[in-house]
Amino acid sequence: MLQGVTIPTRKARKNRVIVLEEMNFVWDKPELEEMAQMWESGSSVFSIAKHFKREDPDEVILAIMHLAKKDKISARKSGLKGES
């Protein structure tokens, strides 16, 4: 231990909650590539979710966010709604 150095202690956490634990965050790389193509062609989040048999379109929204952060898709005027 270093003399004269105070290391802050962390307060123990209580009542922890794992957020979104019911969601499926796992996608195969080919699925993400296909999703990027669907996004660029104007498919809506709902039609993408249906295509990949995802009951929760929020899973697709999170994947879209991932693709956007990786510069794999571009912004579009129609946003999440899409053109189809």
N, C-alpha and C. Protein backbone atom coordinates (compact mmCIF):
# COMPACT_ATOMS: atom_id res chain seq x y z
N MET A 1 0.84 -1.18 0.00
CA MET A 1 0.00 0.00 0.00
C MET A 1 0.87 1.23 0.00
N LEU A 2 0.47 2.23 -0.75
CA LEU A 2 1.21 3.48 -0.84
C LEU A 2 0.92 4.35 0.38
N GLN A 3 1.98 4.92 0.94
CA GLN A 3 1.78 5.81 2.09
C GLN A 3 1.21 7.13 1.62
N GLY A 4 0.26 7.64 2.38
CA GLY A 4 -0.31 8.94 2.08
C GLY A 4 -1.33 8.95 0.95
N VAL A 5 -1.61 7.80 0.35
CA VAL A 5 -2.58 7.73 -0.74
C VAL A 5 -3.85 7.07 -0.21
N THR A 6 -4.92 7.78 -0.37
CA THR A 6 -6.20 7.24 0.06
C THR A 6 -6.94 6.71 -1.16
N ILE A 7 -7.29 5.47 -1.10
CA ILE A 7 -8.04 4.84 -2.18
C ILE A 7 -9.50 4.80 -1.76
N PRO A 8 -10.35 5.44 -2.54
CA PRO A 8 -11.76 5.46 -2.15
C PRO A 8 -12.34 4.05 -2.16
N THR A 9 -13.14 3.77 -1.19
CA THR A 9 -13.79 2.46 -1.13
C THR A 9 -15.15 2.56 -1.80
N ARG A 10 -15.54 1.50 -2.38
CA ARG A 10 -16.82 1.45 -3.06
C ARG A 10 -17.90 1.03 -2.09
N LYS A 11 -19.00 1.71 -2.16
CA LYS A 11 -20.13 1.36 -1.34
C LYS A 11 -20.74 0.07 -1.89
N ALA A 12 -21.05 -0.85 -1.02
CA ALA A 12 -21.66 -2.10 -1.45
C ALA A 12 -23.01 -1.83 -2.10
N ARG A 13 -23.23 -2.46 -3.20
CA ARG A 13 -24.51 -2.28 -3.90
C ARG A 13 -25.55 -3.21 -3.31
N LYS A 14 -26.75 -2.71 -3.26
CA LYS A 14 -27.86 -3.52 -2.76
C LYS A 14 -28.99 -3.46 -3.78
N ASN A 15 -29.79 -4.47 -3.77
CA ASN A 15 -30.96 -4.53 -4.66
C ASN A 15 -30.57 -4.33 -6.12
N ARG A 16 -29.60 -5.08 -6.58
CA ARG A 16 -29.16 -4.99 -7.97
C ARG A 16 -30.23 -5.50 -8.91
N VAL A 17 -30.29 -4.87 -10.06
CA VAL A 17 -31.23 -5.26 -11.09
C VAL A 17 -30.47 -5.43 -12.40
N ILE A 18 -30.65 -6.54 -13.04
CA ILE A 18 -30.08 -6.74 -14.37
C ILE A 18 -31.14 -6.30 -15.36
N VAL A 19 -30.84 -5.21 -16.06
CA VAL A 19 -31.83 -4.66 -16.98
C VAL A 19 -31.87 -5.46 -18.28
N LEU A 20 -33.03 -5.56 -18.82
CA LEU A 20 -33.28 -6.20 -20.13
C LEU A 20 -32.83 -7.65 -20.19
N GLU A 21 -32.81 -8.32 -19.05
CA GLU A 21 -32.32 -9.70 -19.05
C GLU A 21 -33.20 -10.66 -19.84
N GLU A 22 -34.45 -10.26 -20.10
CA GLU A 22 -35.34 -11.12 -20.87
C GLU A 22 -35.12 -10.99 -22.38
N MET A 23 -34.27 -10.06 -22.78
CA MET A 23 -34.04 -9.84 -24.20
C MET A 23 -32.91 -10.73 -24.73
N ASN A 24 -33.00 -11.03 -26.00
CA ASN A 24 -31.97 -11.84 -26.66
C ASN A 24 -31.07 -10.89 -27.45
N PHE A 25 -29.83 -10.75 -27.01
CA PHE A 25 -28.88 -9.85 -27.64
C PHE A 25 -27.99 -10.56 -28.66
N VAL A 26 -28.20 -11.84 -28.84
CA VAL A 26 -27.30 -12.64 -29.69
C VAL A 26 -27.81 -12.67 -31.13
N TRP A 27 -26.91 -12.30 -32.02
CA TRP A 27 -27.18 -12.34 -33.46
C TRP A 27 -26.00 -13.00 -34.15
N ASP A 28 -26.27 -13.80 -35.16
CA ASP A 28 -25.18 -14.33 -35.99
C ASP A 28 -24.73 -13.22 -36.93
N LYS A 29 -23.44 -13.24 -37.26
CA LYS A 29 -22.90 -12.21 -38.15
C LYS A 29 -23.66 -12.15 -39.48
N PRO A 30 -23.97 -13.29 -40.12
CA PRO A 30 -24.74 -13.21 -41.37
C PRO A 30 -26.12 -12.57 -41.17
N GLU A 31 -26.74 -12.76 -39.99
CA GLU A 31 -28.02 -12.11 -39.72
C GLU A 31 -27.86 -10.60 -39.69
N LEU A 32 -26.79 -10.13 -39.05
CA LEU A 32 -26.55 -8.68 -38.98
C LEU A 32 -26.28 -8.11 -40.36
N GLU A 33 -25.57 -8.86 -41.18
CA GLU A 33 -25.31 -8.41 -42.55
C GLU A 33 -26.60 -8.32 -43.34
N GLU A 34 -27.47 -9.32 -43.17
CA GLU A 34 -28.77 -9.30 -43.85
C GLU A 34 -29.64 -8.16 -43.31
N MET A 35 -29.60 -7.95 -42.00
CA MET A 35 -30.36 -6.87 -41.40
C MET A 35 -29.91 -5.52 -41.95
N ALA A 36 -28.62 -5.33 -42.12
CA ALA A 36 -28.10 -4.08 -42.68
C ALA A 36 -28.64 -3.87 -44.09
N GLN A 37 -28.70 -4.92 -44.87
CA GLN A 37 -29.26 -4.82 -46.23
C GLN A 37 -30.74 -4.47 -46.18
N MET A 38 -31.47 -5.10 -45.27
CA MET A 38 -32.90 -4.83 -45.13
C MET A 38 -33.12 -3.38 -44.71
N TRP A 39 -32.28 -2.91 -43.78
CA TRP A 39 -32.38 -1.52 -43.31
C TRP A 39 -32.15 -0.56 -44.47
N GLU A 40 -31.09 -0.81 -45.23
CA GLU A 40 -30.76 0.08 -46.35
C GLU A 40 -31.82 0.05 -47.45
N SER A 41 -32.54 -1.07 -47.56
CA SER A 41 -33.59 -1.16 -48.58
C SER A 41 -34.93 -0.60 -48.08
N GLY A 42 -34.97 -0.14 -46.82
CA GLY A 42 -36.16 0.54 -46.31
C GLY A 42 -37.09 -0.29 -45.46
N SER A 43 -36.69 -1.51 -45.09
CA SER A 43 -37.56 -2.34 -44.26
C SER A 43 -37.75 -1.72 -42.88
N SER A 44 -38.95 -1.85 -42.34
CA SER A 44 -39.23 -1.33 -41.00
C SER A 44 -38.65 -2.26 -39.94
N VAL A 45 -38.51 -1.75 -38.75
CA VAL A 45 -38.04 -2.55 -37.63
C VAL A 45 -38.99 -3.73 -37.40
N PHE A 46 -40.29 -3.48 -37.56
CA PHE A 46 -41.27 -4.54 -37.34
C PHE A 46 -41.15 -5.65 -38.39
N SER A 47 -40.92 -5.28 -39.65
CA SER A 47 -40.77 -6.31 -40.67
C SER A 47 -39.45 -7.06 -40.50
N ILE A 48 -38.42 -6.37 -40.05
CA ILE A 48 -37.14 -7.05 -39.78
C ILE A 48 -37.32 -8.03 -38.62
N ALA A 49 -38.01 -7.61 -37.57
CA ALA A 49 -38.26 -8.49 -36.42
C ALA A 49 -39.03 -9.73 -36.86
N LYS A 50 -40.04 -9.53 -37.69
CA LYS A 50 -40.84 -10.66 -38.19
C LYS A 50 -39.98 -11.60 -39.03
N HIS A 51 -39.15 -11.02 -39.89
CA HIS A 51 -38.26 -11.82 -40.75
C HIS A 51 -37.35 -12.73 -39.93
N PHE A 52 -36.80 -12.18 -38.83
CA PHE A 52 -35.88 -12.95 -38.00
C PHE A 52 -36.58 -13.68 -36.86
N LYS A 53 -37.91 -13.69 -36.89
CA LYS A 53 -38.72 -14.38 -35.88
C LYS A 53 -38.40 -13.92 -34.45
N ARG A 54 -38.27 -12.60 -34.32
CA ARG A 54 -38.05 -11.99 -33.00
C ARG A 54 -39.37 -11.39 -32.55
N GLU A 55 -39.87 -11.84 -31.41
CA GLU A 55 -41.14 -11.34 -30.90
C GLU A 55 -41.03 -9.90 -30.41
N ASP A 56 -39.86 -9.51 -29.96
CA ASP A 56 -39.68 -8.16 -29.42
C ASP A 56 -38.88 -7.31 -30.40
N PRO A 57 -39.52 -6.33 -31.04
CA PRO A 57 -38.80 -5.49 -31.99
C PRO A 57 -37.68 -4.66 -31.34
N ASP A 58 -37.71 -4.53 -30.02
CA ASP A 58 -36.63 -3.82 -29.33
C ASP A 58 -35.28 -4.52 -29.53
N GLU A 59 -35.31 -5.84 -29.70
CA GLU A 59 -34.07 -6.57 -29.97
C GLU A 59 -33.48 -6.12 -31.30
N VAL A 60 -34.34 -5.87 -32.27
CA VAL A 60 -33.89 -5.38 -33.58
C VAL A 60 -33.37 -3.95 -33.44
N ILE A 61 -34.07 -3.13 -32.67
CA ILE A 61 -33.63 -1.74 -32.47
C ILE A 61 -32.23 -1.71 -31.87
N LEU A 62 -31.96 -2.57 -30.91
CA LEU A 62 -30.61 -2.61 -30.32
C LEU A 62 -29.58 -3.07 -31.34
N ALA A 63 -29.94 -4.03 -32.18
CA ALA A 63 -29.03 -4.48 -33.23
C ALA A 63 -28.79 -3.36 -34.25
N ILE A 64 -29.84 -2.60 -34.56
CA ILE A 64 -29.71 -1.46 -35.47
C ILE A 64 -28.76 -0.42 -34.86
N MET A 65 -28.89 -0.19 -33.56
CA MET A 65 -27.97 0.73 -32.89
C MET A 65 -26.53 0.23 -33.00
N HIS A 66 -26.34 -1.06 -32.83
CA HIS A 66 -25.00 -1.66 -32.95
C HIS A 66 -24.45 -1.44 -34.36
N LEU A 67 -25.28 -1.72 -35.37
CA LEU A 67 -24.84 -1.54 -36.76
C LEU A 67 -24.51 -0.08 -37.05
N ALA A 68 -25.30 0.83 -36.51
CA ALA A 68 -25.05 2.26 -36.73
C ALA A 68 -23.73 2.68 -36.08
N LYS A 69 -23.47 2.21 -34.87
CA LYS A 69 -22.22 2.56 -34.18
C LYS A 69 -21.00 2.01 -34.90
N LYS A 70 -21.19 0.89 -35.60
CA LYS A 70 -20.10 0.27 -36.37
C LYS A 70 -20.03 0.82 -37.79
N ASP A 71 -20.86 1.83 -38.10
CA ASP A 71 -20.92 2.43 -39.44
C ASP A 71 -21.27 1.41 -40.53
N LYS A 72 -22.13 0.47 -40.19
CA LYS A 72 -22.56 -0.56 -41.15
C LYS A 72 -23.85 -0.17 -41.85
N ILE A 73 -24.56 0.83 -41.30
CA ILE A 73 -25.79 1.32 -41.91
C ILE A 73 -25.78 2.84 -41.86
N SER A 74 -26.64 3.43 -42.68
CA SER A 74 -26.73 4.89 -42.70
C SER A 74 -28.07 5.33 -42.12
N ALA A 75 -28.10 6.59 -41.72
CA ALA A 75 -29.36 7.17 -41.25
C ALA A 75 -30.32 7.27 -42.43
N ARG A 76 -31.60 7.24 -42.13
CA ARG A 76 -32.58 7.37 -43.20
C ARG A 76 -33.72 8.26 -42.72
N LYS A 77 -34.34 8.95 -43.66
CA LYS A 77 -35.41 9.89 -43.34
C LYS A 77 -36.57 9.21 -42.63
N SER A 78 -36.86 8.00 -43.02
CA SER A 78 -38.01 7.30 -42.46
C SER A 78 -37.73 6.70 -41.09
N GLY A 79 -36.48 6.76 -40.64
CA GLY A 79 -36.12 6.26 -39.31
C GLY A 79 -36.46 4.80 -39.11
N LEU A 80 -36.90 4.47 -37.88
CA LEU A 80 -37.21 3.08 -37.55
C LEU A 80 -38.44 2.56 -38.29
N LYS A 81 -39.31 3.47 -38.65
CA LYS A 81 -40.55 3.08 -39.33
C LYS A 81 -40.27 2.46 -40.70
N GLY A 82 -39.29 2.96 -41.40
CA GLY A 82 -38.95 2.42 -42.71
C GLY A 82 -39.94 2.82 -43.78
N GLU A 83 -39.75 2.25 -44.92
CA GLU A 83 -40.60 2.57 -46.07
C GLU A 83 -41.52 1.42 -46.43
N SER A 84 -41.29 0.27 -45.77
CA SER A 84 -42.14 -0.89 -46.08
C SER A 84 -42.63 -1.54 -44.82
